[in-house]
Protein backbone atom coordinates (compact mmCIF):
# COMPACT_ATOMS: atom_id res chain seq x y z
CA MET A 1 -53.11 -65.12 -51.02
CA LYS A 2 -57.35 -64.69 -50.18
CA ARG A 3 -58.30 -61.57 -47.93
CA ILE A 4 -61.38 -61.95 -45.88
CA ASN A 5 -62.33 -58.70 -44.12
CA LEU A 6 -63.29 -59.37 -40.72
CA ASP A 7 -64.50 -55.44 -40.02
CA LYS A 8 -68.00 -56.62 -39.50
CA ASP A 9 -69.89 -58.63 -36.51
CA TRP A 10 -68.11 -57.87 -33.00
CA MET A 11 -68.64 -57.87 -29.67
CA PHE A 12 -67.39 -54.64 -27.28
CA TYR A 13 -67.25 -55.35 -23.62
CA GLU A 14 -66.69 -52.49 -20.99
CA SER A 15 -65.57 -53.40 -17.93
CA GLU A 16 -62.95 -51.48 -14.46
CA GLU A 17 -62.19 -55.24 -14.41
CA ASP A 18 -58.86 -56.55 -15.91
CA ASN A 19 -59.94 -60.14 -16.70
CA SER A 20 -61.03 -60.97 -19.93
CA PHE A 21 -63.69 -63.99 -18.29
CA VAL A 22 -65.48 -60.91 -15.87
CA PHE A 23 -65.62 -59.41 -19.37
CA GLU A 24 -67.29 -62.54 -21.46
CA GLN A 25 -69.87 -63.09 -17.74
CA ARG A 26 -71.48 -59.30 -19.19
CA GLN A 27 -73.77 -58.71 -22.12
CA GLY A 28 -71.76 -57.39 -24.80
CA THR A 29 -72.65 -54.60 -27.54
CA PRO A 30 -72.05 -55.43 -31.12
CA VAL A 31 -70.33 -53.01 -33.27
CA ASP A 32 -68.52 -52.68 -36.59
CA LEU A 33 -64.71 -52.17 -36.81
CA PRO A 34 -63.21 -49.64 -36.86
CA HIS A 35 -65.15 -48.73 -33.32
CA ASP A 36 -63.39 -45.96 -30.83
CA PHE A 37 -65.72 -46.53 -27.72
CA ILE A 38 -64.50 -43.61 -25.23
CA VAL A 39 -65.64 -41.29 -27.61
CA GLY A 40 -69.11 -42.26 -26.39
CA LYS A 41 -68.52 -40.85 -23.05
CA PRO A 42 -69.04 -37.84 -21.51
CA ARG A 43 -66.19 -35.38 -21.83
CA ARG A 44 -64.41 -33.97 -18.51
CA ALA A 45 -61.87 -31.11 -17.80
CA ASP A 46 -60.31 -33.49 -15.75
CA ALA A 47 -59.83 -36.34 -18.30
CA PRO A 48 -56.01 -37.95 -17.42
CA GLY A 49 -55.15 -37.29 -21.24
CA GLY A 50 -56.42 -33.37 -21.37
CA ALA A 51 -56.94 -31.08 -24.87
CA ALA A 52 -54.33 -34.15 -26.22
CA ASN A 53 -57.38 -37.09 -25.41
CA GLY A 54 -60.51 -34.87 -26.26
CA TYR A 55 -61.20 -34.66 -22.53
CA PHE A 56 -62.64 -38.07 -22.74
CA GLY A 57 -61.96 -40.20 -19.97
CA ASN A 58 -60.26 -43.59 -20.21
CA GLY A 59 -61.08 -46.96 -20.22
CA GLN A 60 -60.49 -50.07 -20.80
CA GLY A 61 -62.77 -52.96 -23.06
CA ILE A 62 -62.34 -56.22 -25.50
CA TYR A 63 -63.36 -56.66 -28.61
CA LYS A 64 -64.00 -60.06 -29.25
CA LYS A 65 -64.53 -61.97 -32.49
CA ASN A 66 -65.52 -65.61 -33.26
CA LEU A 67 -64.10 -67.44 -36.32
CA GLU A 68 -65.18 -69.97 -38.36
CA VAL A 69 -62.39 -72.35 -40.17
CA PRO A 70 -63.48 -73.56 -43.16
CA GLU A 71 -62.08 -77.29 -43.27
CA ASP A 72 -60.58 -77.18 -46.57
CA TRP A 73 -58.41 -74.64 -44.47
CA LYS A 74 -56.67 -77.85 -42.53
CA GLY A 75 -52.79 -77.63 -42.83
CA LYS A 76 -52.67 -74.40 -44.22
CA THR A 77 -51.26 -71.03 -43.07
CA VAL A 78 -53.30 -68.55 -42.39
CA LEU A 79 -51.91 -65.21 -41.38
CA ILE A 80 -54.38 -62.66 -39.48
CA TYR A 81 -53.63 -59.12 -39.90
CA LEU A 82 -54.53 -56.47 -37.66
CA SER A 83 -53.67 -52.96 -37.90
CA ASP A 84 -53.77 -49.28 -36.51
CA GLY A 85 -53.26 -49.12 -32.65
CA ILE A 86 -54.48 -51.94 -30.65
CA GLU A 87 -53.61 -53.64 -27.62
CA GLU A 88 -52.86 -57.32 -27.69
CA THR A 89 -51.92 -59.31 -24.79
CA GLY A 90 -51.30 -62.27 -26.56
CA ARG A 91 -53.10 -64.64 -23.55
CA GLY A 92 -53.52 -67.26 -26.29
CA SER A 93 -50.36 -66.92 -27.93
CA GLY A 94 -48.07 -67.32 -25.45
CA CYS A 95 -46.63 -63.69 -26.29
CA ASP A 96 -46.65 -60.34 -25.04
CA ARG A 97 -47.10 -56.88 -26.85
CA ARG A 98 -48.79 -54.05 -25.93
CA TYR A 99 -50.41 -51.34 -28.18
CA LEU A 100 -48.82 -51.92 -31.34
CA ARG A 101 -49.41 -49.15 -33.45
CA TYR A 102 -49.05 -49.91 -36.72
CA SER A 103 -49.64 -53.62 -36.91
CA TYR A 104 -48.98 -57.24 -36.33
CA TYR A 105 -49.50 -60.19 -37.26
């Protein structure tokens, strides 16, 4: 099995909108993973998570990466493994999975 690290060259979009189209219309920020955009926010005594969340506020964002698939992958099975806390709505995959603690194929 061939492993390819996908940690580099992602785009991050933050918004109050719950719509991926809206995110894509905005200017993204280039990031490498792992990345935690909440720690860049100011701390607030009234933050929803309180001490358990480090007094950081809430937010939502989309991480986007374009993958170029080599021609020689045609007809082959490709597994993409994402690990550690992610939220995946699976809009393109026909599934609806929310906050997966450890891994997702």
